[in-house]
């Protein structure tokens, strides 16, 4: 009886729902991202800029523009508004070239992963993608007692079956991640 409780799947938390569709996702710019700003017909104003730790960018003719928390399209429109003072009908495109994203959207992996870390969220990212990025489980991980803390569901915690997914190849244990998910992998006691 004791062994069955120690080695089995965690039932303290409900399994993660798989029938709810993922909401539409638009990338949100975060501090540390790199942006490629392209000003059509004005190559001298086109450049790559980092998003500073305060979430702002600076570019020629554009001073202190807030980029963090906005989509690339929103930032492009904001730059166009500032450039209208100097250029007639500016057309701006913003492309994110180095992805980090805001903290609220990063997927965090803590506990008994080979390399615990945060990962930029990518649309259609799955639990298997996350586990490949962190190098799998340590020898001491209780993989089937892992949980996902999902902020987008009001900080509900869900059980996931990492051991079944990674060690046994059970693809039915693979679930889609959401922005801001925290994967918690506990240590086994034996």
N, C-alpha and C. Protein backbone atom coordinates (compact mmCIF):
# COMPACT_ATOMS: atom_id res chain seq x y z
N UNK A 1 0.81 -1.19 0.00
CA UNK A 1 0.00 0.00 0.00
C UNK A 1 0.86 1.26 0.00
N UNK A 2 1.92 1.28 0.79
CA UNK A 2 2.79 2.45 0.84
C UNK A 2 3.52 2.62 -0.48
N UNK A 3 4.02 1.54 -1.06
CA UNK A 3 4.74 1.62 -2.33
C UNK A 3 3.85 2.14 -3.45
N UNK A 4 2.61 1.73 -3.49
CA UNK A 4 1.71 2.19 -4.53
C UNK A 4 1.52 3.70 -4.44
N UNK A 5 1.44 4.22 -3.24
CA UNK A 5 1.28 5.66 -3.08
C UNK A 5 2.53 6.43 -3.46
N UNK A 6 3.72 5.84 -3.29
CA UNK A 6 4.97 6.53 -3.58
C UNK A 6 5.33 6.52 -5.05
N UNK A 7 4.98 5.47 -5.75
CA UNK A 7 5.46 5.34 -7.12
C UNK A 7 4.45 5.76 -8.18
N UNK A 8 3.22 5.96 -7.81
CA UNK A 8 2.18 6.21 -8.80
C UNK A 8 2.06 7.66 -9.21
N UNK A 9 1.05 7.91 -9.98
CA UNK A 9 0.73 9.23 -10.49
C UNK A 9 0.13 10.07 -9.38
N UNK A 10 0.51 11.32 -9.30
CA UNK A 10 0.01 12.24 -8.28
C UNK A 10 -1.48 12.53 -8.52
N UNK A 11 -2.29 12.32 -7.49
CA UNK A 11 -3.72 12.60 -7.63
C UNK A 11 -4.14 13.80 -6.79
N UNK A 12 -3.19 14.49 -6.18
CA UNK A 12 -3.50 15.66 -5.36
C UNK A 12 -4.10 16.78 -6.21
N UNK A 13 -3.66 16.89 -7.45
CA UNK A 13 -4.13 17.93 -8.37
C UNK A 13 -4.83 17.28 -9.55
N UNK A 14 -5.81 17.96 -10.13
CA UNK A 14 -6.49 17.38 -11.31
C UNK A 14 -5.56 17.37 -12.51
N UNK A 15 -5.80 16.47 -13.47
CA UNK A 15 -5.01 16.51 -14.70
C UNK A 15 -5.28 17.80 -15.46
N UNK A 16 -4.33 18.23 -16.22
CA UNK A 16 -4.46 19.48 -16.97
C UNK A 16 -5.52 19.29 -18.05
N UNK A 17 -6.44 20.24 -18.21
CA UNK A 17 -7.48 20.08 -19.22
C UNK A 17 -6.90 20.13 -20.63
N UNK A 18 -7.34 19.22 -21.47
CA UNK A 18 -6.83 19.17 -22.86
C UNK A 18 -7.91 19.55 -23.86
N UNK A 19 -9.14 19.71 -23.38
CA UNK A 19 -10.23 20.00 -24.31
C UNK A 19 -10.47 21.49 -24.51
N UNK A 20 -9.78 22.34 -23.75
CA UNK A 20 -9.97 23.78 -23.92
C UNK A 20 -8.97 24.30 -24.96
N UNK A 21 -9.46 24.97 -25.99
CA UNK A 21 -8.55 25.46 -27.01
C UNK A 21 -7.67 26.59 -26.47
N UNK A 22 -6.43 26.64 -26.95
CA UNK A 22 -5.53 27.71 -26.56
C UNK A 22 -6.04 29.02 -27.14
N UNK A 23 -6.00 30.09 -26.35
CA UNK A 23 -6.46 31.37 -26.87
C UNK A 23 -5.52 31.87 -27.98
N UNK A 24 -6.05 32.75 -28.83
CA UNK A 24 -5.19 33.35 -29.86
C UNK A 24 -4.03 34.03 -29.17
N UNK A 25 -2.86 33.95 -29.78
CA UNK A 25 -1.67 34.47 -29.13
C UNK A 25 -0.97 35.47 -30.04
N UNK A 26 -0.63 36.61 -29.49
CA UNK A 26 0.19 37.61 -30.16
C UNK A 26 1.40 37.83 -29.28
N UNK A 27 2.58 37.83 -29.88
CA UNK A 27 3.81 38.01 -29.11
C UNK A 27 3.83 39.39 -28.47
N UNK A 28 4.18 39.43 -27.20
CA UNK A 28 4.30 40.67 -26.44
C UNK A 28 5.79 40.92 -26.20
N UNK A 29 6.25 42.11 -26.52
CA UNK A 29 7.66 42.47 -26.39
C UNK A 29 8.03 42.62 -24.92
N UNK A 30 9.24 42.16 -24.58
CA UNK A 30 9.74 42.27 -23.22
C UNK A 30 11.14 42.85 -23.19
N UNK A 31 11.57 43.26 -22.01
CA UNK A 31 12.92 43.78 -21.83
C UNK A 31 13.93 42.70 -22.24
N UNK A 32 14.96 43.09 -22.97
CA UNK A 32 15.96 42.14 -23.44
C UNK A 32 15.73 41.68 -24.86
N UNK A 33 14.53 41.89 -25.39
CA UNK A 33 14.28 41.55 -26.79
C UNK A 33 15.11 42.48 -27.68
N UNK A 34 15.37 42.04 -28.89
CA UNK A 34 16.01 42.89 -29.89
C UNK A 34 15.00 43.13 -31.00
N UNK A 35 14.85 44.38 -31.41
CA UNK A 35 13.88 44.75 -32.42
C UNK A 35 14.59 45.28 -33.66
N UNK A 36 14.16 44.82 -34.81
CA UNK A 36 14.65 45.34 -36.08
C UNK A 36 13.57 46.30 -36.59
N UNK A 37 13.91 47.59 -36.62
CA UNK A 37 12.97 48.62 -37.06
C UNK A 37 13.29 48.96 -38.51
N UNK A 38 12.30 48.80 -39.38
CA UNK A 38 12.48 49.06 -40.81
C UNK A 38 11.56 50.23 -41.18
N UNK A 39 12.16 51.32 -41.65
CA UNK A 39 11.39 52.49 -42.08
C UNK A 39 11.46 52.52 -43.60
N UNK A 40 10.33 52.22 -44.22
CA UNK A 40 10.26 52.15 -45.68
C UNK A 40 10.66 53.49 -46.30
N UNK A 41 11.44 53.45 -47.37
CA UNK A 41 11.94 54.61 -48.12
C UNK A 41 12.90 55.49 -47.31
N UNK A 42 13.30 55.02 -46.12
CA UNK A 42 14.21 55.78 -45.27
C UNK A 42 15.21 54.83 -44.59
N UNK A 43 16.10 54.23 -45.38
CA UNK A 43 17.01 53.23 -44.80
C UNK A 43 17.93 53.80 -43.71
N UNK A 44 18.18 55.10 -43.75
CA UNK A 44 19.03 55.70 -42.72
C UNK A 44 18.37 55.70 -41.33
N UNK A 45 17.05 55.52 -41.29
CA UNK A 45 16.34 55.45 -40.02
C UNK A 45 16.06 54.01 -39.58
N UNK A 46 16.39 53.05 -40.44
CA UNK A 46 16.17 51.64 -40.11
C UNK A 46 17.36 51.14 -39.30
N UNK A 47 17.09 50.37 -38.25
CA UNK A 47 18.16 49.84 -37.42
C UNK A 47 17.64 48.78 -36.46
N UNK A 48 18.58 48.07 -35.85
CA UNK A 48 18.24 47.12 -34.78
C UNK A 48 18.50 47.80 -33.45
N UNK A 49 17.56 47.64 -32.53
CA UNK A 49 17.69 48.24 -31.21
C UNK A 49 17.30 47.23 -30.13
N UNK A 50 17.99 47.29 -28.99
CA UNK A 50 17.59 46.43 -27.87
C UNK A 50 16.46 47.10 -27.07
N UNK A 51 15.64 46.29 -26.45
CA UNK A 51 14.66 46.81 -25.51
C UNK A 51 15.38 46.85 -24.16
N UNK A 52 15.50 48.04 -23.63
CA UNK A 52 16.26 48.24 -22.39
C UNK A 52 15.54 47.59 -21.20
N UNK A 53 16.23 47.44 -20.08
CA UNK A 53 15.60 46.86 -18.88
C UNK A 53 14.37 47.64 -18.40
N UNK A 54 14.30 48.94 -18.73
CA UNK A 54 13.11 49.72 -18.34
C UNK A 54 11.96 49.55 -19.35
N UNK A 55 12.17 48.72 -20.39
CA UNK A 55 11.12 48.43 -21.36
C UNK A 55 11.03 49.43 -22.50
N UNK A 56 11.96 50.37 -22.59
CA UNK A 56 11.91 51.40 -23.62
C UNK A 56 12.97 51.17 -24.69
N UNK A 57 12.74 51.80 -25.83
CA UNK A 57 13.73 51.80 -26.92
C UNK A 57 14.01 53.25 -27.31
N UNK A 58 15.16 53.44 -27.94
CA UNK A 58 15.51 54.73 -28.53
C UNK A 58 16.04 54.47 -29.92
N UNK A 59 15.70 55.33 -30.85
CA UNK A 59 16.13 55.22 -32.24
C UNK A 59 16.24 56.63 -32.81
N UNK A 60 16.83 56.81 -33.99
CA UNK A 60 16.89 58.15 -34.57
C UNK A 60 15.49 58.76 -34.72
N UNK A 61 15.34 59.96 -34.25
CA UNK A 61 14.10 60.73 -34.27
C UNK A 61 13.02 60.15 -33.35
N UNK A 62 13.34 59.11 -32.61
CA UNK A 62 12.39 58.49 -31.69
C UNK A 62 13.07 58.41 -30.32
N UNK A 63 12.57 59.19 -29.38
CA UNK A 63 13.16 59.21 -28.04
C UNK A 63 12.28 58.49 -27.04
N UNK A 64 12.89 57.60 -26.27
CA UNK A 64 12.21 57.01 -25.12
C UNK A 64 10.81 56.47 -25.42
N UNK A 65 10.70 55.51 -26.30
CA UNK A 65 9.41 54.92 -26.65
C UNK A 65 9.20 53.63 -25.85
N UNK A 66 8.07 53.52 -25.17
CA UNK A 66 7.75 52.31 -24.41
C UNK A 66 7.44 51.18 -25.39
N UNK A 67 8.19 50.07 -25.29
CA UNK A 67 7.97 48.91 -26.16
C UNK A 67 7.47 47.70 -25.37
N UNK A 68 7.94 47.55 -24.14
CA UNK A 68 7.55 46.40 -23.34
C UNK A 68 6.05 46.38 -23.12
N UNK A 69 5.46 45.20 -23.27
CA UNK A 69 4.03 45.04 -23.06
C UNK A 69 3.19 45.29 -24.30
N UNK A 70 3.85 45.61 -25.41
CA UNK A 70 3.13 45.88 -26.66
C UNK A 70 3.50 44.83 -27.70
N UNK A 71 2.65 44.70 -28.71
CA UNK A 71 2.97 43.82 -29.85
C UNK A 71 3.89 44.59 -30.79
N UNK A 72 4.61 43.88 -31.67
CA UNK A 72 5.45 44.58 -32.66
C UNK A 72 4.65 45.56 -33.52
N UNK A 73 3.43 45.23 -33.87
CA UNK A 73 2.60 46.13 -34.68
C UNK A 73 2.26 47.41 -33.92
N UNK A 74 1.96 47.29 -32.63
CA UNK A 74 1.67 48.48 -31.83
C UNK A 74 2.89 49.40 -31.75
N UNK A 75 4.07 48.81 -31.58
CA UNK A 75 5.30 49.61 -31.52
C UNK A 75 5.53 50.30 -32.87
N UNK A 76 5.29 49.59 -33.97
CA UNK A 76 5.47 50.19 -35.30
C UNK A 76 4.55 51.40 -35.46
N UNK A 77 3.29 51.29 -35.02
CA UNK A 77 2.36 52.42 -35.14
C UNK A 77 2.82 53.60 -34.26
N UNK A 78 3.34 53.30 -33.06
CA UNK A 78 3.85 54.35 -32.18
C UNK A 78 5.04 55.08 -32.81
N UNK A 79 5.93 54.32 -33.45
CA UNK A 79 7.08 54.93 -34.12
C UNK A 79 6.61 55.80 -35.29
N UNK A 80 5.63 55.30 -36.05
CA UNK A 80 5.09 56.09 -37.16
C UNK A 80 4.55 57.43 -36.66
N UNK A 81 3.85 57.43 -35.53
CA UNK A 81 3.30 58.67 -34.98
C UNK A 81 4.42 59.67 -34.66
N UNK A 82 5.52 59.16 -34.09
CA UNK A 82 6.62 60.06 -33.76
C UNK A 82 7.34 60.55 -35.01
N UNK A 83 7.46 59.69 -36.03
CA UNK A 83 8.17 60.07 -37.27
C UNK A 83 7.35 61.02 -38.13
N UNK A 84 6.02 61.06 -37.95
CA UNK A 84 5.16 61.96 -38.74
C UNK A 84 5.56 63.43 -38.58
N UNK A 85 6.23 63.74 -37.50
CA UNK A 85 6.70 65.11 -37.28
C UNK A 85 7.79 65.50 -38.27
N UNK A 86 8.50 64.49 -38.79
CA UNK A 86 9.68 64.72 -39.64
C UNK A 86 9.54 64.18 -41.06
N UNK A 87 8.71 63.15 -41.24
CA UNK A 87 8.59 62.44 -42.52
C UNK A 87 7.12 62.36 -42.90
N UNK A 88 6.84 62.54 -44.17
CA UNK A 88 5.46 62.43 -44.64
C UNK A 88 5.12 60.95 -44.84
N UNK A 89 4.00 60.54 -44.26
CA UNK A 89 3.47 59.17 -44.38
C UNK A 89 4.52 58.08 -44.14
N UNK A 90 5.14 58.04 -42.96
CA UNK A 90 6.11 56.98 -42.69
C UNK A 90 5.44 55.62 -42.62
N UNK A 91 6.13 54.61 -43.12
CA UNK A 91 5.66 53.22 -43.04
C UNK A 91 6.74 52.44 -42.28
N UNK A 92 6.36 51.93 -41.11
CA UNK A 92 7.33 51.26 -40.24
C UNK A 92 6.91 49.81 -40.01
N UNK A 93 7.91 48.93 -40.04
CA UNK A 93 7.71 47.53 -39.69
C UNK A 93 8.67 47.21 -38.55
N UNK A 94 8.17 46.50 -37.53
CA UNK A 94 9.02 46.08 -36.41
C UNK A 94 9.03 44.56 -36.37
N UNK A 95 10.24 44.00 -36.39
CA UNK A 95 10.43 42.55 -36.33
C UNK A 95 11.25 42.23 -35.09
N UNK A 96 10.76 41.31 -34.27
CA UNK A 96 11.52 40.89 -33.09
C UNK A 96 12.53 39.84 -33.55
N UNK A 97 13.82 40.10 -33.26
CA UNK A 97 14.87 39.18 -33.72
C UNK A 97 15.49 38.37 -32.60
N UNK A 98 15.35 38.80 -31.36
CA UNK A 98 15.84 38.04 -30.22
C UNK A 98 14.72 38.00 -29.19
N UNK A 99 14.19 36.82 -28.94
CA UNK A 99 12.99 36.67 -28.13
C UNK A 99 13.32 36.34 -26.68
N UNK A 100 12.80 37.14 -25.77
CA UNK A 100 12.83 36.83 -24.35
C UNK A 100 11.41 36.96 -23.81
N UNK A 101 10.75 38.05 -24.17
CA UNK A 101 9.37 38.27 -23.74
C UNK A 101 9.29 38.78 -22.32
N UNK A 102 8.14 39.31 -21.94
CA UNK A 102 7.98 39.80 -20.57
C UNK A 102 7.93 38.63 -19.58
N UNK A 103 8.29 38.90 -18.34
CA UNK A 103 8.31 37.85 -17.32
C UNK A 103 6.97 37.15 -17.20
N UNK A 104 5.90 37.89 -17.34
CA UNK A 104 4.57 37.30 -17.16
C UNK A 104 4.23 36.26 -18.22
N UNK A 105 4.98 36.23 -19.32
CA UNK A 105 4.69 35.29 -20.41
C UNK A 105 5.72 34.15 -20.50
N UNK A 106 6.79 34.24 -19.72
CA UNK A 106 7.83 33.22 -19.80
C UNK A 106 7.36 31.93 -19.12
N UNK A 107 7.81 30.80 -19.65
CA UNK A 107 7.54 29.51 -19.04
C UNK A 107 8.73 29.20 -18.14
N UNK A 108 8.45 28.91 -16.86
CA UNK A 108 9.52 28.64 -15.90
C UNK A 108 9.51 27.15 -15.54
N UNK A 109 10.71 26.61 -15.39
CA UNK A 109 10.86 25.22 -14.99
C UNK A 109 11.73 25.20 -13.73
N UNK A 110 11.16 24.68 -12.64
CA UNK A 110 11.89 24.64 -11.38
C UNK A 110 11.91 23.22 -10.83
N UNK A 111 12.89 22.93 -10.00
CA UNK A 111 12.98 21.62 -9.37
C UNK A 111 13.95 20.71 -10.08
N UNK A 112 13.55 19.47 -10.25
CA UNK A 112 14.44 18.41 -10.71
C UNK A 112 14.53 18.27 -12.23
N UNK A 113 14.70 19.38 -12.91
CA UNK A 113 15.03 19.36 -14.34
C UNK A 113 16.55 19.38 -14.43
N UNK A 114 17.09 18.84 -15.51
CA UNK A 114 18.55 18.85 -15.67
C UNK A 114 19.10 20.27 -15.66
N UNK A 115 18.39 21.20 -16.29
CA UNK A 115 18.79 22.61 -16.31
C UNK A 115 17.56 23.49 -16.06
N UNK A 116 17.16 23.69 -14.79
CA UNK A 116 16.01 24.55 -14.52
C UNK A 116 16.25 25.95 -15.09
N UNK A 117 15.23 26.53 -15.69
CA UNK A 117 15.40 27.83 -16.34
C UNK A 117 14.05 28.40 -16.73
N UNK A 118 14.08 29.62 -17.28
CA UNK A 118 12.89 30.20 -17.88
C UNK A 118 13.07 30.11 -19.39
N UNK A 119 11.97 29.99 -20.10
CA UNK A 119 11.97 29.89 -21.55
C UNK A 119 10.99 30.90 -22.13
N UNK A 120 11.36 31.55 -23.23
CA UNK A 120 10.36 32.41 -23.88
C UNK A 120 9.21 31.53 -24.38
N UNK A 121 7.98 31.97 -24.15
CA UNK A 121 6.83 31.21 -24.62
C UNK A 121 6.75 31.30 -26.15
N UNK A 122 6.45 30.18 -26.77
CA UNK A 122 6.21 30.14 -28.21
C UNK A 122 4.86 29.50 -28.43
N UNK A 123 4.13 30.01 -29.41
CA UNK A 123 2.81 29.47 -29.72
C UNK A 123 2.91 27.99 -30.05
N UNK A 124 1.98 27.21 -29.54
CA UNK A 124 1.90 25.75 -29.73
C UNK A 124 3.01 25.00 -29.00
N UNK A 125 3.70 25.65 -28.05
CA UNK A 125 4.74 25.00 -27.25
C UNK A 125 4.10 23.91 -26.40
N UNK A 126 4.74 22.75 -26.35
CA UNK A 126 4.20 21.64 -25.57
C UNK A 126 5.12 21.31 -24.39
N UNK A 127 4.62 20.47 -23.51
CA UNK A 127 5.40 20.00 -22.37
C UNK A 127 6.67 19.29 -22.85
N UNK A 128 6.57 18.52 -23.92
CA UNK A 128 7.74 17.83 -24.46
C UNK A 128 8.78 18.84 -24.96
N UNK A 129 8.35 19.90 -25.63
CA UNK A 129 9.27 20.94 -26.08
C UNK A 129 10.03 21.54 -24.89
N UNK A 130 9.31 21.79 -23.81
CA UNK A 130 9.92 22.36 -22.60
C UNK A 130 10.95 21.40 -22.03
N UNK A 131 10.61 20.13 -21.95
CA UNK A 131 11.52 19.15 -21.36
C UNK A 131 12.77 18.95 -22.22
N UNK A 132 12.63 19.04 -23.52
CA UNK A 132 13.82 18.96 -24.39
C UNK A 132 14.72 20.17 -24.13
N UNK A 133 14.13 21.36 -24.00
CA UNK A 133 14.90 22.59 -23.77
C UNK A 133 15.66 22.56 -22.45
N UNK A 134 15.09 21.94 -21.42
CA UNK A 134 15.75 21.91 -20.10
C UNK A 134 16.59 20.65 -19.90
N UNK A 135 16.70 19.82 -20.90
CA UNK A 135 17.59 18.65 -20.83
C UNK A 135 17.03 17.45 -20.11
N UNK A 136 15.72 17.41 -19.93
CA UNK A 136 15.09 16.25 -19.29
C UNK A 136 15.08 16.33 -17.78
N UNK A 137 14.89 15.17 -17.16
CA UNK A 137 14.78 15.07 -15.70
C UNK A 137 16.11 14.63 -15.09
N UNK A 138 16.32 14.98 -13.82
CA UNK A 138 17.47 14.45 -13.09
C UNK A 138 17.14 13.02 -12.67
N UNK A 139 18.14 12.31 -12.15
CA UNK A 139 17.92 10.94 -11.66
C UNK A 139 17.03 10.91 -10.43
N UNK A 140 16.88 12.05 -9.76
CA UNK A 140 16.13 12.10 -8.51
C UNK A 140 14.73 12.69 -8.68
N UNK A 141 14.30 12.90 -9.91
CA UNK A 141 13.00 13.53 -10.16
C UNK A 141 11.84 12.56 -9.94
N UNK A 142 10.78 13.08 -9.35
CA UNK A 142 9.52 12.34 -9.25
C UNK A 142 8.64 12.87 -10.40
N UNK A 143 8.94 12.41 -11.61
CA UNK A 143 8.33 12.96 -12.82
C UNK A 143 6.83 12.91 -12.87
N UNK A 144 6.22 11.86 -12.37
CA UNK A 144 4.76 11.76 -12.42
C UNK A 144 4.08 12.50 -11.27
N UNK A 145 4.85 13.17 -10.45
CA UNK A 145 4.28 14.02 -9.40
C UNK A 145 4.49 15.49 -9.73
N UNK A 146 4.93 15.77 -10.95
CA UNK A 146 5.14 17.14 -11.40
C UNK A 146 3.79 17.83 -11.59
N UNK A 147 3.83 19.15 -11.49
CA UNK A 147 2.61 19.95 -11.68
C UNK A 147 2.92 21.17 -12.52
N UNK A 148 1.87 21.70 -13.12
CA UNK A 148 1.94 22.99 -13.82
C UNK A 148 1.06 23.96 -13.06
N UNK A 149 1.65 25.09 -12.66
CA UNK A 149 0.90 26.17 -12.04
C UNK A 149 0.54 27.13 -13.18
N UNK A 150 -0.73 27.27 -13.45
CA UNK A 150 -1.20 28.03 -14.61
C UNK A 150 -1.84 29.34 -14.17
N UNK A 151 -1.12 30.43 -14.36
CA UNK A 151 -1.61 31.75 -13.98
C UNK A 151 -2.84 32.16 -14.77
N UNK A 152 -2.92 31.75 -16.04
CA UNK A 152 -4.05 32.14 -16.88
C UNK A 152 -5.35 31.48 -16.43
N UNK A 153 -5.27 30.47 -15.57
CA UNK A 153 -6.46 29.81 -15.00
C UNK A 153 -6.65 30.20 -13.54
N UNK A 154 -6.18 31.37 -13.15
CA UNK A 154 -6.34 31.80 -11.76
C UNK A 154 -5.42 31.08 -10.80
N UNK A 155 -4.20 30.76 -11.25
CA UNK A 155 -3.18 30.07 -10.45
C UNK A 155 -3.61 28.67 -10.01
N UNK A 156 -4.37 27.99 -10.86
CA UNK A 156 -4.71 26.59 -10.58
C UNK A 156 -3.49 25.73 -10.86
N UNK A 157 -3.38 24.65 -10.10
CA UNK A 157 -2.27 23.72 -10.27
C UNK A 157 -2.81 22.41 -10.83
N UNK A 158 -2.11 21.89 -11.84
CA UNK A 158 -2.54 20.67 -12.52
C UNK A 158 -1.44 19.63 -12.51
N UNK A 159 -1.84 18.37 -12.39
CA UNK A 159 -0.89 17.27 -12.42
C UNK A 159 -0.50 16.96 -13.86
N UNK A 160 0.79 16.68 -14.07
CA UNK A 160 1.28 16.23 -15.38
C UNK A 160 2.15 14.99 -15.18
N UNK A 161 2.26 14.18 -16.23
CA UNK A 161 2.96 12.90 -16.14
C UNK A 161 4.27 12.94 -16.94
N UNK A 162 5.29 13.55 -16.35
CA UNK A 162 6.57 13.70 -17.05
C UNK A 162 7.28 12.37 -17.25
N UNK A 163 7.28 11.51 -16.25
CA UNK A 163 7.95 10.21 -16.38
C UNK A 163 7.31 9.41 -17.52
N UNK A 164 5.98 9.38 -17.54
CA UNK A 164 5.30 8.65 -18.61
C UNK A 164 5.66 9.22 -19.98
N UNK A 165 5.75 10.54 -20.07
CA UNK A 165 6.06 11.20 -21.34
C UNK A 165 7.50 10.95 -21.77
N UNK A 166 8.44 11.18 -20.86
CA UNK A 166 9.86 11.14 -21.23
C UNK A 166 10.44 9.73 -21.19
N UNK A 167 10.20 9.03 -20.11
CA UNK A 167 10.83 7.70 -19.94
C UNK A 167 10.08 6.60 -20.70
N UNK A 168 8.73 6.72 -20.77
CA UNK A 168 7.94 5.66 -21.39
C UNK A 168 7.43 6.02 -22.78
N UNK A 169 7.63 7.26 -23.20
CA UNK A 169 7.20 7.66 -24.54
C UNK A 169 5.70 7.75 -24.72
N UNK A 170 4.96 7.98 -23.63
CA UNK A 170 3.50 8.08 -23.69
C UNK A 170 3.11 9.49 -24.15
N UNK A 171 2.86 9.65 -25.43
CA UNK A 171 2.55 10.95 -26.01
C UNK A 171 1.23 11.51 -25.49
N UNK A 172 0.35 10.66 -24.96
CA UNK A 172 -0.91 11.16 -24.40
C UNK A 172 -0.64 12.05 -23.17
N UNK A 173 0.57 11.97 -22.60
CA UNK A 173 0.93 12.80 -21.45
C UNK A 173 1.44 14.18 -21.88
N UNK A 174 1.60 14.39 -23.19
CA UNK A 174 2.07 15.67 -23.69
C UNK A 174 0.90 16.66 -23.72
N UNK A 175 1.10 17.84 -23.16
CA UNK A 175 0.06 18.87 -23.12
C UNK A 175 0.62 20.17 -23.65
N UNK A 176 -0.27 21.04 -24.08
CA UNK A 176 0.14 22.35 -24.59
C UNK A 176 0.39 23.29 -23.42
N UNK A 177 1.49 24.04 -23.50
CA UNK A 177 1.83 25.03 -22.48
C UNK A 177 1.10 26.33 -22.79
N UNK A 178 1.02 27.20 -21.80
CA UNK A 178 0.43 28.53 -21.96
C UNK A 178 1.42 29.57 -21.45
N UNK A 179 1.30 30.80 -21.92
CA UNK A 179 2.20 31.85 -21.42
C UNK A 179 2.10 31.97 -19.90
N UNK A 180 3.25 32.03 -19.25
CA UNK A 180 3.30 32.20 -17.80
C UNK A 180 3.22 30.92 -17.00
N UNK A 181 3.12 29.74 -17.64
CA UNK A 181 3.07 28.48 -16.91
C UNK A 181 4.36 28.26 -16.12
N UNK A 182 4.21 27.64 -14.95
CA UNK A 182 5.36 27.25 -14.13
C UNK A 182 5.30 25.75 -13.96
N UNK A 183 6.33 25.05 -14.45
CA UNK A 183 6.43 23.60 -14.32
C UNK A 183 7.24 23.29 -13.07
N UNK A 184 6.65 22.59 -12.13
CA UNK A 184 7.30 22.27 -10.85
C UNK A 184 7.56 20.77 -10.82
N UNK A 185 8.85 20.40 -10.73
CA UNK A 185 9.24 18.99 -10.74
C UNK A 185 9.83 18.65 -9.37
N UNK A 186 9.09 17.89 -8.55
CA UNK A 186 9.58 17.58 -7.20
C UNK A 186 10.65 16.47 -7.22
N UNK A 187 11.33 16.36 -6.08
CA UNK A 187 12.34 15.33 -5.90
C UNK A 187 11.68 14.07 -5.35
N UNK A 188 12.17 12.92 -5.80
CA UNK A 188 11.70 11.65 -5.30
C UNK A 188 12.35 11.41 -3.94
N UNK A 189 11.66 10.71 -3.04
CA UNK A 189 12.20 10.49 -1.71
C UNK A 189 12.98 9.19 -1.60
N UNK A 190 13.11 8.47 -2.70
CA UNK A 190 13.90 7.23 -2.66
C UNK A 190 14.57 7.00 -3.97
